[in-house]
PDB file of N, CA and C in Angstrom:
ATOM      1  N   UNK A   1     -32.462   4.602 -39.807  1.00  0.00           N
ATOM      2  CA  UNK A   1     -33.150   3.956 -38.693  1.00  0.00           C
ATOM      3  C   UNK A   1     -32.378   2.718 -38.228  1.00  0.00           C
ATOM      4  N   UNK A   2     -31.943   1.891 -39.168  1.00  0.00           N
ATOM      5  CA  UNK A   2     -31.211   0.672 -38.843  1.00  0.00           C
ATOM      6  C   UNK A   2     -29.915   0.998 -38.099  1.00  0.00           C
ATOM      7  N   UNK A   3     -29.206   2.030 -38.562  1.00  0.00           N
ATOM      8  CA  UNK A   3     -27.936   2.422 -37.947  1.00  0.00           C
ATOM      9  C   UNK A   3     -28.144   2.881 -36.506  1.00  0.00           C
ATOM     10  N   UNK A   4     -29.240   3.582 -36.251  1.00  0.00           N
ATOM     11  CA  UNK A   4     -29.548   4.042 -34.897  1.00  0.00           C
ATOM     12  C   UNK A   4     -29.759   2.854 -33.952  1.00  0.00           C
ATOM     13  N   UNK A   5     -30.436   1.838 -34.441  1.00  0.00           N
ATOM     14  CA  UNK A   5     -30.688   0.645 -33.633  1.00  0.00           C
ATOM     15  C   UNK A   5     -29.379  -0.072 -33.330  1.00  0.00           C
ATOM     16  N   UNK A   6     -28.523  -0.180 -34.329  1.00  0.00           N
ATOM     17  CA  UNK A   6     -27.217  -0.835 -34.141  1.00  0.00           C
ATOM     18  C   UNK A   6     -26.379  -0.055 -33.130  1.00  0.00           C
ATOM     19  N   UNK A   7     -26.370   1.262 -33.258  1.00  0.00           N
ATOM     20  CA  UNK A   7     -25.604   2.096 -32.323  1.00  0.00           C
ATOM     21  C   UNK A   7     -26.135   1.950 -30.895  1.00  0.00           C
ATOM     22  N   UNK A   8     -27.448   1.938 -30.767  1.00  0.00           N
ATOM     23  CA  UNK A   8     -28.061   1.792 -29.452  1.00  0.00           C
ATOM     24  C   UNK A   8     -27.743   0.416 -28.865  1.00  0.00           C
ATOM     25  N   UNK A   9     -27.816  -0.615 -29.690  1.00  0.00           N
ATOM     26  CA  UNK A   9     -27.493  -1.974 -29.237  1.00  0.00           C
ATOM     27  C   UNK A   9     -26.038  -2.064 -28.793  1.00  0.00           C
ATOM     28  N   UNK A  10     -25.142  -1.463 -29.552  1.00  0.00           N
ATOM     29  CA  UNK A  10     -23.720  -1.478 -29.185  1.00  0.00           C
ATOM     30  C   UNK A  10     -23.487  -0.767 -27.861  1.00  0.00           C
ATOM     31  N   UNK A  11     -24.187   0.323 -27.633  1.00  0.00           N
ATOM     32  CA  UNK A  11     -24.067   1.063 -26.373  1.00  0.00           C
ATOM     33  C   UNK A  11     -24.561   0.215 -25.207  1.00  0.00           C
ATOM     34  N   UNK A  12     -25.668  -0.457 -25.400  1.00  0.00           N
ATOM     35  CA  UNK A  12     -26.223  -1.318 -24.351  1.00  0.00           C
ATOM     36  C   UNK A  12     -25.268  -2.476 -24.059  1.00  0.00           C
ATOM     37  N   UNK A  13     -24.715  -3.082 -25.101  1.00  0.00           N
ATOM     38  CA  UNK A  13     -23.756  -4.176 -24.923  1.00  0.00           C
ATOM     39  C   UNK A  13     -22.536  -3.691 -24.142  1.00  0.00           C
ATOM     40  N   UNK A  14     -22.081  -2.496 -24.453  1.00  0.00           N
ATOM     41  CA  UNK A  14     -20.939  -1.915 -23.746  1.00  0.00           C
ATOM     42  C   UNK A  14     -21.270  -1.700 -22.260  1.00  0.00           C
ATOM     43  N   UNK A  15     -22.460  -1.205 -21.986  1.00  0.00           N
ATOM     44  CA  UNK A  15     -22.886  -0.990 -20.593  1.00  0.00           C
ATOM     45  C   UNK A  15     -22.999  -2.313 -19.840  1.00  0.00           C
ATOM     46  N   UNK A  16     -23.493  -3.349 -20.511  1.00  0.00           N
ATOM     47  CA  UNK A  16     -23.588  -4.670 -19.889  1.00  0.00           C
ATOM     48  C   UNK A  16     -22.192  -5.159 -19.514  1.00  0.00           C
ATOM     49  N   UNK A  17     -21.253  -5.028 -20.435  1.00  0.00           N
ATOM     50  CA  UNK A  17     -19.876  -5.465 -20.192  1.00  0.00           C
ATOM     51  C   UNK A  17     -19.264  -4.695 -19.019  1.00  0.00           C
ATOM     52  N   UNK A  18     -19.475  -3.394 -18.976  1.00  0.00           N
ATOM     53  CA  UNK A  18     -18.939  -2.580 -17.879  1.00  0.00           C
ATOM     54  C   UNK A  18     -19.505  -3.030 -16.536  1.00  0.00           C
ATOM     55  N   UNK A  19     -20.801  -3.318 -16.508  1.00  0.00           N
ATOM     56  CA  UNK A  19     -21.431  -3.755 -15.266  1.00  0.00           C
ATOM     57  C   UNK A  19     -20.977  -5.155 -14.865  1.00  0.00           C
ATOM     58  N   UNK A  20     -20.782  -6.034 -15.845  1.00  0.00           N
ATOM     59  CA  UNK A  20     -20.259  -7.366 -15.547  1.00  0.00           C
ATOM     60  C   UNK A  20     -18.844  -7.281 -14.981  1.00  0.00           C
ATOM     61  N   UNK A  21     -18.027  -6.410 -15.550  1.00  0.00           N
ATOM     62  CA  UNK A  21     -16.678  -6.203 -15.031  1.00  0.00           C
ATOM     63  C   UNK A  21     -16.718  -5.672 -13.601  1.00  0.00           C
ATOM     64  N   UNK A  22     -17.644  -4.763 -13.339  1.00  0.00           N
ATOM     65  CA  UNK A  22     -17.784  -4.200 -11.996  1.00  0.00           C
ATOM     66  C   UNK A  22     -18.187  -5.284 -10.995  1.00  0.00           C
ATOM     67  N   UNK A  23     -19.122  -6.148 -11.390  1.00  0.00           N
ATOM     68  CA  UNK A  23     -19.549  -7.242 -10.515  1.00  0.00           C
ATOM     69  C   UNK A  23     -18.364  -8.152 -10.208  1.00  0.00           C
ATOM     70  N   UNK A  24     -17.589  -8.469 -11.235  1.00  0.00           N
ATOM     71  CA  UNK A  24     -16.421  -9.332 -11.050  1.00  0.00           C
ATOM     72  C   UNK A  24     -15.429  -8.713 -10.057  1.00  0.00           C
ATOM     73  N   UNK A  25     -15.144  -7.437 -10.215  1.00  0.00           N
ATOM     74  CA  UNK A  25     -14.210  -6.767  -9.314  1.00  0.00           C
ATOM     75  C   UNK A  25     -14.760  -6.672  -7.892  1.00  0.00           C
ATOM     76  N   UNK A  26     -16.046  -6.401  -7.771  1.00  0.00           N
ATOM     77  CA  UNK A  26     -16.653  -6.335  -6.444  1.00  0.00           C
ATOM     78  C   UNK A  26     -16.639  -7.701  -5.757  1.00  0.00           C
ATOM     79  N   UNK A  27     -16.854  -8.773  -6.526  1.00  0.00           N
ATOM     80  CA  UNK A  27     -16.802 -10.111  -5.947  1.00  0.00           C
ATOM     81  C   UNK A  27     -15.382 -10.448  -5.496  1.00  0.00           C
ATOM     82  N   UNK A  28     -14.391 -10.064  -6.283  1.00  0.00           N
ATOM     83  CA  UNK A  28     -12.995 -10.274  -5.877  1.00  0.00           C
ATOM     84  C   UNK A  28     -12.709  -9.506  -4.593  1.00  0.00           C
ATOM     85  N   UNK A  29     -13.156  -8.283  -4.551  1.00  0.00           N
ATOM     86  CA  UNK A  29     -12.963  -7.432  -3.368  1.00  0.00           C
ATOM     87  C   UNK A  29     -13.557  -8.108  -2.143  1.00  0.00           C
ATOM     88  N   UNK A  30     -14.763  -8.613  -2.300  1.00  0.00           N
ATOM     89  CA  UNK A  30     -15.473  -9.234  -1.195  1.00  0.00           C
ATOM     90  C   UNK A  30     -14.798 -10.530  -0.747  1.00  0.00           C
ATOM     91  N   UNK A  31     -14.415 -11.360  -1.710  1.00  0.00           N
ATOM     92  CA  UNK A  31     -13.853 -12.674  -1.401  1.00  0.00           C
ATOM     93  C   UNK A  31     -12.420 -12.596  -0.886  1.00  0.00           C
ATOM     94  N   UNK A  32     -11.632 -11.706  -1.454  1.00  0.00           N
ATOM     95  CA  UNK A  32     -10.211 -11.674  -1.142  1.00  0.00           C
ATOM     96  C   UNK A  32      -9.831 -10.537  -0.201  1.00  0.00           C
ATOM     97  N   UNK A  33     -10.804  -9.759   0.208  1.00  0.00           N
ATOM     98  CA  UNK A  33     -10.513  -8.668   1.120  1.00  0.00           C
ATOM     99  C   UNK A  33      -9.632  -7.600   0.502  1.00  0.00           C
ATOM    100  N   UNK A  34      -9.791  -7.402  -0.793  1.00  0.00           N
ATOM    101  CA  UNK A  34      -9.014  -6.368  -1.470  1.00  0.00           C
ATOM    102  C   UNK A  34      -9.395  -4.991  -0.956  1.00  0.00           C
ATOM    103  N   UNK A  35      -8.536  -4.043  -1.217  1.00  0.00           N
ATOM    104  CA  UNK A  35      -8.790  -2.654  -0.851  1.00  0.00           C
ATOM    105  C   UNK A  35      -8.958  -1.851  -2.134  1.00  0.00           C
ATOM    106  N   UNK A  36     -10.004  -1.052  -2.186  1.00  0.00           N
ATOM    107  CA  UNK A  36     -10.208  -0.179  -3.332  1.00  0.00           C
ATOM    108  C   UNK A  36      -9.455   1.120  -3.096  1.00  0.00           C
ATOM    109  N   UNK A  37      -8.798   1.597  -4.121  1.00  0.00           N
ATOM    110  CA  UNK A  37      -8.077   2.857  -4.037  1.00  0.00           C
ATOM    111  C   UNK A  37      -8.668   3.836  -5.025  1.00  0.00           C
ATOM    112  N   UNK A  38      -8.507   5.104  -4.731  1.00  0.00           N
ATOM    113  CA  UNK A  38      -8.980   6.130  -5.644  1.00  0.00           C
ATOM    114  C   UNK A  38      -7.865   7.122  -5.912  1.00  0.00           C
ATOM    115  N   UNK A  39      -7.858   7.646  -7.121  1.00  0.00           N
ATOM    116  CA  UNK A  39      -6.893   8.701  -7.435  1.00  0.00           C
ATOM    117  C   UNK A  39      -7.588  10.056  -7.496  1.00  0.00           C
ATOM    118  N   UNK A  40      -8.812  10.082  -7.009  1.00  0.00           N
ATOM    119  CA  UNK A  40      -9.578  11.314  -6.935  1.00  0.00           C
ATOM    120  C   UNK A  40      -8.888  12.264  -5.953  1.00  0.00           C
ATOM    121  N   UNK A  41      -8.676  13.486  -6.338  1.00  0.00           N
ATOM    122  CA  UNK A  41      -7.980  14.459  -5.498  1.00  0.00           C
ATOM    123  C   UNK A  41      -8.646  14.655  -4.138  1.00  0.00           C
ATOM    124  N   UNK A  42      -9.951  14.446  -4.081  1.00  0.00           N
ATOM    125  CA  UNK A  42     -10.639  14.626  -2.794  1.00  0.00           C
ATOM    126  C   UNK A  42     -10.182  13.594  -1.767  1.00  0.00           C
ATOM    127  N   UNK A  43      -9.673  12.464  -2.247  1.00  0.00           N
ATOM    128  CA  UNK A  43      -9.286  11.387  -1.348  1.00  0.00           C
ATOM    129  C   UNK A  43      -7.776  11.170  -1.278  1.00  0.00           C
ATOM    130  N   UNK A  44      -7.018  11.978  -1.998  1.00  0.00           N
ATOM    131  CA  UNK A  44      -5.564  11.798  -2.023  1.00  0.00           C
ATOM    132  C   UNK A  44      -4.947  12.177  -0.683  1.00  0.00           C
ATOM    133  N   UNK A  45      -3.964  11.406  -0.301  1.00  0.00           N
ATOM    134  CA  UNK A  45      -3.161  11.739   0.877  1.00  0.00           C
ATOM    135  C   UNK A  45      -1.988  12.550   0.338  1.00  0.00           C
ATOM    136  N   UNK A  46      -2.128  13.850   0.344  1.00  0.00           N
ATOM    137  CA  UNK A  46      -1.132  14.717  -0.290  1.00  0.00           C
ATOM    138  C   UNK A  46       0.221  14.667   0.404  1.00  0.00           C
ATOM    139  N   UNK A  47       0.239  14.336   1.657  1.00  0.00           N
ATOM    140  CA  UNK A  47       1.515  14.280   2.370  1.00  0.00           C
ATOM    141  C   UNK A  47       2.349  13.091   1.900  1.00  0.00           C
ATOM    142  N   UNK A  48       1.710  11.968   1.687  1.00  0.00           N
ATOM    143  CA  UNK A  48       2.437  10.769   1.285  1.00  0.00           C
ATOM    144  C   UNK A  48       2.468  10.597  -0.229  1.00  0.00           C
ATOM    145  N   UNK A  49       1.550  11.255  -0.915  1.00  0.00           N
ATOM    146  CA  UNK A  49       1.501  11.134  -2.372  1.00  0.00           C
ATOM    147  C   UNK A  49       0.857   9.850  -2.869  1.00  0.00           C
ATOM    148  N   UNK A  50       0.164   9.133  -1.998  1.00  0.00           N
ATOM    149  CA  UNK A  50      -0.487   7.893  -2.375  1.00  0.00           C
ATOM    150  C   UNK A  50      -2.003   8.064  -2.334  1.00  0.00           C
ATOM    151  N   UNK A  51      -2.702   7.310  -3.159  1.00  0.00           N
ATOM    152  CA  UNK A  51      -4.163   7.386  -3.090  1.00  0.00           C
ATOM    153  C   UNK A  51      -4.666   6.782  -1.789  1.00  0.00           C
ATOM    154  N   UNK A  52      -5.752   7.292  -1.328  1.00  0.00           N
ATOM    155  CA  UNK A  52      -6.360   6.815  -0.091  1.00  0.00           C
ATOM    156  C   UNK A  52      -7.192   5.572  -0.378  1.00  0.00           C
ATOM    157  N   UNK A  53      -7.159   4.625   0.515  1.00  0.00           N
ATOM    158  CA  UNK A  53      -7.978   3.428   0.350  1.00  0.00           C
ATOM    159  C   UNK A  53      -9.396   3.716   0.830  1.00  0.00           C
ATOM    160  N   UNK A  54     -10.328   3.024   0.224  1.00  0.00           N
ATOM    161  CA  UNK A  54     -11.731   3.148   0.606  1.00  0.00           C
ATOM    162  C   UNK A  54     -12.198   1.764   1.033  1.00  0.00           C
ATOM    163  N   UNK A  55     -12.678   1.653   2.251  1.00  0.00           N
ATOM    164  CA  UNK A  55     -13.135   0.370   2.767  1.00  0.00           C
ATOM    165  C   UNK A  55     -14.656   0.349   2.791  1.00  0.00           C
ATOM    166  N   UNK A  56     -15.215  -0.796   2.390  1.00  0.00           N
ATOM    167  CA  UNK A  56     -16.658  -0.979   2.416  1.00  0.00           C
ATOM    168  C   UNK A  56     -16.983  -2.156   3.320  1.00  0.00           C
ATOM    169  N   UNK A  57     -18.113  -2.086   3.958  1.00  0.00           N
ATOM    170  CA  UNK A  57     -18.583  -3.207   4.763  1.00  0.00           C
ATOM    171  C   UNK A  57     -19.145  -4.271   3.834  1.00  0.00           C
ATOM    172  N   UNK A  58     -19.205  -5.519   4.337  1.00  0.00           N
ATOM    173  CA  UNK A  58     -19.676  -6.634   3.515  1.00  0.00           C
ATOM    174  C   UNK A  58     -21.063  -6.387   2.932  1.00  0.00           C
ATOM    175  N   UNK A  59     -21.960  -5.840   3.749  1.00  0.00           N
ATOM    176  CA  UNK A  59     -23.320  -5.613   3.269  1.00  0.00           C
ATOM    177  C   UNK A  59     -23.341  -4.579   2.137  1.00  0.00           C
ATOM    178  N   UNK A  60     -22.420  -3.612   2.185  1.00  0.00           N
ATOM    179  CA  UNK A  60     -22.362  -2.608   1.126  1.00  0.00           C
ATOM    180  C   UNK A  60     -21.916  -3.242  -0.199  1.00  0.00           C
ATOM    181  N   UNK A  61     -20.959  -4.140  -0.118  1.00  0.00           N
ATOM    182  CA  UNK A  61     -20.479  -4.831  -1.315  1.00  0.00           C
ATOM    183  C   UNK A  61     -21.587  -5.705  -1.889  1.00  0.00           C
ATOM    184  N   UNK A  62     -22.277  -6.448  -1.034  1.00  0.00           N
ATOM    185  CA  UNK A  62     -23.378  -7.299  -1.512  1.00  0.00           C
ATOM    186  C   UNK A  62     -24.470  -6.458  -2.176  1.00  0.00           C
ATOM    187  N   UNK A  63     -24.754  -5.306  -1.609  1.00  0.00           N
ATOM    188  CA  UNK A  63     -25.770  -4.422  -2.180  1.00  0.00           C
ATOM    189  C   UNK A  63     -25.336  -3.890  -3.540  1.00  0.00           C
ATOM    190  N   UNK A  64     -24.072  -3.507  -3.655  1.00  0.00           N
ATOM    191  CA  UNK A  64     -23.568  -3.017  -4.941  1.00  0.00           C
ATOM    192  C   UNK A  64     -23.621  -4.119  -5.997  1.00  0.00           C
ATOM    193  N   UNK A  65     -23.244  -5.337  -5.614  1.00  0.00           N
ATOM    194  CA  UNK A  65     -23.298  -6.468  -6.552  1.00  0.00           C
ATOM    195  C   UNK A  65     -24.729  -6.712  -6.983  1.00  0.00           C
ATOM    196  N   UNK A  66     -25.647  -6.715  -6.023  1.00  0.00           N
ATOM    197  CA  UNK A  66     -27.064  -6.923  -6.338  1.00  0.00           C
ATOM    198  C   UNK A  66     -27.580  -5.852  -7.300  1.00  0.00           C
ATOM    199  N   UNK A  67     -27.252  -4.606  -7.029  1.00  0.00           N
ATOM    200  CA  UNK A  67     -27.701  -3.511  -7.894  1.00  0.00           C
ATOM    201  C   UNK A  67     -27.124  -3.625  -9.298  1.00  0.00           C
ATOM    202  N   UNK A  68     -25.847  -4.010  -9.405  1.00  0.00           N
ATOM    203  CA  UNK A  68     -25.221  -4.172 -10.721  1.00  0.00           C
ATOM    204  C   UNK A  68     -25.889  -5.308 -11.495  1.00  0.00           C
ATOM    205  N   UNK A  69     -26.204  -6.399 -10.802  1.00  0.00           N
ATOM    206  CA  UNK A  69     -26.862  -7.533 -11.468  1.00  0.00           C
ATOM    207  C   UNK A  69     -28.262  -7.138 -11.944  1.00  0.00           C
ATOM    208  N   UNK A  70     -28.953  -6.349 -11.145  1.00  0.00           N
ATOM    209  CA  UNK A  70     -30.277  -5.863 -11.579  1.00  0.00           C
ATOM    210  C   UNK A  70     -30.142  -4.968 -12.807  1.00  0.00           C
ATOM    211  N   UNK A  71     -29.123  -4.140 -12.825  1.00  0.00           N
ATOM    212  CA  UNK A  71     -28.884  -3.247 -13.967  1.00  0.00           C
ATOM    213  C   UNK A  71     -28.579  -4.071 -15.218  1.00  0.00           C
ATOM    214  N   UNK A  72     -27.776  -5.121 -15.068  1.00  0.00           N
ATOM    215  CA  UNK A  72     -27.463  -6.002 -16.200  1.00  0.00           C
ATOM    216  C   UNK A  72     -28.740  -6.625 -16.748  1.00  0.00           C
ATOM    217  N   UNK A  73     -29.593  -7.130 -15.860  1.00  0.00           N
ATOM    218  CA  UNK A  73     -30.854  -7.747 -16.282  1.00  0.00           C
ATOM    219  C   UNK A  73     -31.727  -6.738 -17.029  1.00  0.00           C
ATOM    220  N   UNK A  74     -31.786  -5.508 -16.537  1.00  0.00           N
ATOM    221  CA  UNK A  74     -32.589  -4.472 -17.185  1.00  0.00           C
ATOM    222  C   UNK A  74     -32.019  -4.135 -18.567  1.00  0.00           C
ATOM    223  N   UNK A  75     -30.697  -4.065 -18.662  1.00  0.00           N
ATOM    224  CA  UNK A  75     -30.070  -3.768 -19.955  1.00  0.00           C
ATOM    225  C   UNK A  75     -30.282  -4.909 -20.948  1.00  0.00           C
ATOM    226  N   UNK A  76     -30.187  -6.141 -20.470  1.00  0.00           N
ATOM    227  CA  UNK A  76     -30.424  -7.289 -21.354  1.00  0.00           C
ATOM    228  C   UNK A  76     -31.861  -7.293 -21.868  1.00  0.00           C
ATOM    229  N   UNK A  77     -32.804  -6.939 -21.006  1.00  0.00           N
ATOM    230  CA  UNK A  77     -34.208  -6.852 -21.417  1.00  0.00           C
ATOM    231  C   UNK A  77     -34.372  -5.758 -22.469  1.00  0.00           C
ATOM    232  N   UNK A  78     -33.722  -4.633 -22.224  1.00  0.00           N
ATOM    233  CA  UNK A  78     -33.770  -3.514 -23.176  1.00  0.00           C
ATOM    234  C   UNK A  78     -33.178  -3.923 -24.527  1.00  0.00           C
ATOM    235  N   UNK A  79     -32.095  -4.698 -24.491  1.00  0.00           N
ATOM    236  CA  UNK A  79     -31.455  -5.166 -25.713  1.00  0.00           C
ATOM    237  C   UNK A  79     -32.377  -6.136 -26.462  1.00  0.00           C
ATOM    238  N   UNK A  80     -33.063  -6.997 -25.736  1.00  0.00           N
ATOM    239  CA  UNK A  80     -34.010  -7.932 -26.360  1.00  0.00           C
ATOM    240  C   UNK A  80     -35.152  -7.201 -27.042  1.00  0.00           C
ATOM    241  N   UNK A  81     -35.563  -6.078 -26.478  1.00  0.00           N
ATOM    242  CA  UNK A  81     -36.681  -5.336 -27.038  1.00  0.00           C
ATOM    243  C   UNK A  81     -36.304  -4.605 -28.335  1.00  0.00           C
ATOM    244  N   UNK A  82     -35.007  -4.424 -28.548  1.00  0.00           N
ATOM    245  CA  UNK A  82     -34.599  -3.799 -29.801  1.00  0.00           C
ATOM    246  C   UNK A  82     -34.823  -4.782 -30.917  1.00  0.00           C
TER     247      UNK A  82
END
């Protein structure tokens, strides 16, 4: 039982870290006007061999940041309940 709780806590901590990293990258994107690239074959420019850039509007970035922060808060609450 104890090991299951530790494993679950570690998973939650990992998810929190991933979401915090995502928020950081999204904030950089928003502030510095970075371009997100994908190596997904659906978006590849096969003629040039380079990944296609994906542009988001400011409101989309703010919404993604907000959603990630809400997810972090929910995960932290879940971790506290363990």
